[in-house]
Amino acid sequence: MTPTAAAGFAPVRLEHASRLVNHGPTVLVTSAHGGRRNVMAAAWSMPVEFTPPRIAVVIDKRTFTRELVMASGAFGICIPGAALIDTTWGVGQVSGRDVDKFARWGIDAAAGPVLGVPVIEAGCAAWLECRRIAEPHAEDAYDTCFGEVVAAAADPRVFSDGRWSFRDDNVELQTIHHLGGGTFARAGGTLTARPVD
């Protein structure tokens, strides 16, 4: 017997299947080495361990960012707010080999406190400075890079005491979530579950 989709459901092309589970915050991955720096947008990132804090992010091996990350052993993860939607989309459309994205989009970045990786605060909700964890197989086969977070900071208007807070007065800092083709959703409002009895 052939399985059928539930009533009202339509098949999803497999190349779009990952979009069903990954519309977490789009991030800006920053990198620097040898006097050059870059920033790119990435929709696929996630935490992988609490202590020490470790994350994974997909960075295509053909990108300039990946080249800089591999050479420097470090990268930044900056979490843009809704105010940076055009910048986020733009930096994901061109290569840092061809254009200085910081100059083109007027991005002001400071040096991270531990590794000196570019970190972006203006328009961002938070940033994480990461030391690359070498995982040659995952990096080569899946373009997945791992990092140990060595420093992090957040704008307290949207993240404080370990919690996100999305309100009408911080819309410009609310995280953006890429849905494909330049369309983003913005985090907004919160729901609180009832306590378990």
Protein backbone atom coordinates (compact mmCIF):
# COMPACT_ATOMS: atom_id res chain seq x y z
CA MET A 1 0.00 0.00 0.00
CA THR A 2 1.36 3.46 -0.93
CA PRO A 3 1.39 5.98 1.91
CA THR A 4 -0.70 9.07 1.23
CA ALA A 5 -0.44 12.58 2.58
CA ALA A 6 -2.92 13.64 5.22
CA ALA A 7 -6.00 15.37 3.88
CA GLY A 8 -5.14 18.94 2.93
CA PHE A 9 -1.39 18.37 2.85
CA ALA A 10 0.56 18.76 -0.38
CA PRO A 11 3.91 17.15 -1.18
CA VAL A 12 7.02 19.29 -0.63
CA ARG A 13 9.91 19.07 -3.06
CA LEU A 14 12.83 17.45 -1.24
CA GLU A 15 15.17 20.36 -1.98
CA HIS A 16 12.80 22.48 0.14
CA ALA A 17 12.30 19.94 2.93
CA SER A 18 14.95 21.51 5.20
CA ARG A 19 12.97 24.76 5.19
CA LEU A 20 10.21 22.98 7.09
CA VAL A 21 12.39 22.54 10.18
CA ASN A 22 14.98 25.28 9.89
CA HIS A 23 13.62 28.78 10.00
CA GLY A 24 15.59 29.71 13.06
CA PRO A 25 17.29 33.09 13.14
CA THR A 26 19.29 34.02 10.11
CA VAL A 27 22.79 34.97 11.20
CA LEU A 28 25.66 36.98 9.82
CA VAL A 29 28.91 35.02 9.84
CA THR A 30 31.96 37.26 10.12
CA SER A 31 35.58 36.36 9.49
CA ALA A 32 38.97 38.00 9.14
CA HIS A 33 42.52 37.00 8.27
CA GLY A 34 45.60 38.63 6.79
CA GLY A 35 44.10 42.11 6.73
CA ARG A 36 40.92 41.03 4.93
CA ARG A 37 37.49 40.53 6.43
CA ASN A 38 34.10 39.33 5.27
CA VAL A 39 30.50 38.90 6.31
CA MET A 40 27.94 36.49 4.88
CA ALA A 41 24.37 35.50 5.70
CA ALA A 42 23.63 31.96 6.89
CA ALA A 43 20.23 30.44 7.56
CA TRP A 44 21.54 27.16 8.94
CA SER A 45 23.07 27.44 12.40
CA MET A 46 22.32 25.82 15.73
CA PRO A 47 23.64 25.16 19.21
CA VAL A 48 25.18 21.72 19.68
CA GLU A 49 26.35 21.78 23.32
CA PHE A 50 25.69 23.82 26.46
CA THR A 51 28.94 23.50 28.42
CA PRO A 52 31.19 24.64 26.97
CA PRO A 53 28.84 26.42 24.55
CA ARG A 54 29.34 25.12 21.02
CA ILE A 55 27.54 25.86 17.81
CA ALA A 56 27.41 24.60 14.24
CA VAL A 57 26.94 26.69 11.10
CA VAL A 58 26.90 25.71 7.45
CA ILE A 59 29.52 27.65 5.48
CA ASP A 60 29.98 26.47 1.89
CA LYS A 61 33.59 25.50 1.22
CA ARG A 62 33.65 27.68 -1.92
CA THR A 63 32.97 30.92 -0.03
CA PHE A 64 35.44 33.62 0.90
CA THR A 65 34.15 33.41 4.47
CA ARG A 66 35.11 29.75 4.67
CA GLU A 67 38.58 30.54 3.35
CA LEU A 68 39.07 33.16 6.07
CA VAL A 69 37.62 30.93 8.81
CA MET A 70 39.94 28.06 7.91
CA ALA A 71 42.97 30.37 7.81
CA SER A 72 42.18 32.20 11.06
CA GLY A 73 40.56 29.44 13.10
CA ALA A 74 37.78 31.78 14.22
CA PHE A 75 34.46 33.29 13.21
CA GLY A 76 31.72 35.50 14.54
CA ILE A 77 27.99 34.86 14.60
CA CYS A 78 26.01 38.10 14.64
CA ILE A 79 22.23 37.92 14.94
CA PRO A 80 20.64 40.68 12.87
CA GLY A 81 17.40 42.33 13.85
CA ALA A 82 14.58 43.23 11.48
CA ALA A 83 16.21 46.62 10.80
CA LEU A 84 19.00 44.77 8.92
CA ILE A 85 16.84 42.67 6.59
CA ASP A 86 18.09 44.39 3.41
CA THR A 87 21.71 44.24 4.55
CA THR A 88 21.35 40.58 5.51
CA TRP A 89 19.89 39.68 2.13
CA GLY A 90 22.45 41.82 0.31
CA VAL A 91 25.57 40.36 1.92
CA GLY A 92 24.29 36.91 1.03
CA GLN A 93 24.08 37.76 -2.66
CA VAL A 94 27.65 38.82 -3.46
CA SER A 95 31.10 37.42 -2.75
CA GLY A 96 33.54 39.09 -0.41
CA ARG A 97 36.25 38.25 -2.93
CA ASP A 98 34.67 40.83 -5.24
CA VAL A 99 33.43 43.54 -2.89
CA ASP A 100 34.13 44.86 0.61
CA LYS A 101 30.71 44.13 2.06
CA PHE A 102 31.37 46.17 5.20
CA ALA A 103 31.97 49.28 3.08
CA ARG A 104 29.21 48.63 0.56
CA TRP A 105 26.51 48.20 3.22
CA GLY A 106 28.00 50.65 5.74
CA ILE A 107 28.46 47.95 8.37
CA ASP A 108 30.37 49.06 11.44
CA ALA A 109 32.16 46.19 13.16
CA ALA A 110 34.33 46.09 16.25
CA ALA A 111 36.98 43.52 17.10
CA GLY A 112 35.69 40.77 19.36
CA PRO A 113 37.21 40.83 22.87
CA VAL A 114 38.87 37.39 22.76
CA LEU A 115 39.77 36.51 19.17
CA GLY A 116 39.44 39.86 17.42
CA VAL A 117 36.79 38.56 15.02
CA PRO A 118 34.56 41.30 13.57
CA VAL A 119 31.38 41.64 15.65
CA ILE A 120 28.41 43.77 14.63
CA GLU A 121 26.27 45.52 17.20
CA ALA A 122 24.38 48.24 15.29
CA GLY A 123 21.12 46.65 14.17
CA CYS A 124 21.96 43.29 15.71
CA ALA A 125 20.31 41.62 18.68
CA ALA A 126 23.45 39.74 19.73
CA TRP A 127 26.81 38.33 18.70
CA LEU A 128 28.97 35.32 19.53
CA GLU A 129 32.73 35.07 19.04
CA CYS A 130 33.74 31.51 18.17
CA ARG A 131 36.96 29.51 18.00
CA ARG A 132 36.77 26.94 15.20
CA ILE A 133 36.69 23.31 16.29
CA ALA A 134 38.38 21.29 13.56
CA GLU A 135 36.05 18.59 12.25
CA PRO A 136 37.53 17.82 8.81
CA HIS A 137 34.95 15.21 7.81
CA ALA A 138 31.90 17.36 8.63
CA GLU A 139 33.52 20.44 7.10
CA ASP A 140 34.39 18.64 3.89
CA ALA A 141 31.34 16.41 3.46
CA TYR A 142 28.60 18.70 4.80
CA ASP A 143 30.12 22.22 4.86
CA THR A 144 29.30 22.25 8.57
CA CYS A 145 31.70 24.20 10.76
CA PHE A 146 31.75 23.93 14.54
CA GLY A 147 32.85 26.56 16.99
CA GLU A 148 33.29 26.98 20.70
CA VAL A 149 31.77 30.24 21.89
CA VAL A 150 34.44 32.21 23.74
CA ALA A 151 32.54 35.50 24.14
CA ALA A 152 28.97 36.68 23.60
CA ALA A 153 26.93 39.84 24.09
CA ALA A 154 23.33 40.90 23.50
CA ASP A 155 21.26 44.05 23.39
CA PRO A 156 19.31 44.00 26.69
CA ARG A 157 16.29 45.55 24.97
CA VAL A 158 15.66 42.17 23.32
CA PHE A 159 17.68 39.61 25.34
CA SER A 160 18.39 39.71 29.08
CA ASP A 161 18.59 37.28 31.98
CA GLY A 162 18.97 34.42 29.47
CA ARG A 163 15.61 35.13 27.77
CA TRP A 164 14.38 36.66 24.54
CA SER A 165 11.72 39.33 24.81
CA PHE A 166 9.86 40.43 21.67
CA ARG A 167 7.65 43.47 22.25
CA ASP A 168 6.18 46.35 20.27
CA ASP A 169 9.04 48.62 21.39
CA ASN A 170 11.88 46.42 20.07
CA VAL A 171 10.62 45.38 16.62
CA GLU A 172 13.82 46.58 14.90
CA LEU A 173 15.88 44.12 17.00
CA GLN A 174 13.59 41.10 16.63
CA THR A 175 15.30 38.20 14.90
CA ILE A 176 14.68 37.46 11.23
CA HIS A 177 14.12 34.01 9.83
CA HIS A 178 14.77 33.22 6.16
CA LEU A 179 11.93 31.38 4.48
CA GLY A 180 13.57 31.22 1.04
CA GLY A 181 13.93 33.53 -1.96
CA GLY A 182 14.53 36.70 0.05
CA THR A 183 11.40 36.30 2.17
CA PHE A 184 11.85 36.50 5.93
CA ALA A 185 9.61 36.14 8.95
CA ARG A 186 10.21 38.34 11.97
CA ALA A 187 9.95 37.02 15.50
CA GLY A 188 7.26 38.95 17.26
CA GLY A 189 5.17 38.51 20.33
CA THR A 190 5.47 35.61 22.68
CA LEU A 191 3.20 32.88 23.97
CA THR A 192 3.61 31.27 27.38
CA ALA A 193 2.60 27.65 27.87
CA ARG A 194 0.48 26.62 30.83
CA PRO A 195 2.41 24.85 33.59
CA VAL A 196 2.27 21.08 33.56
CA ASP A 197 -0.07 19.71 36.23
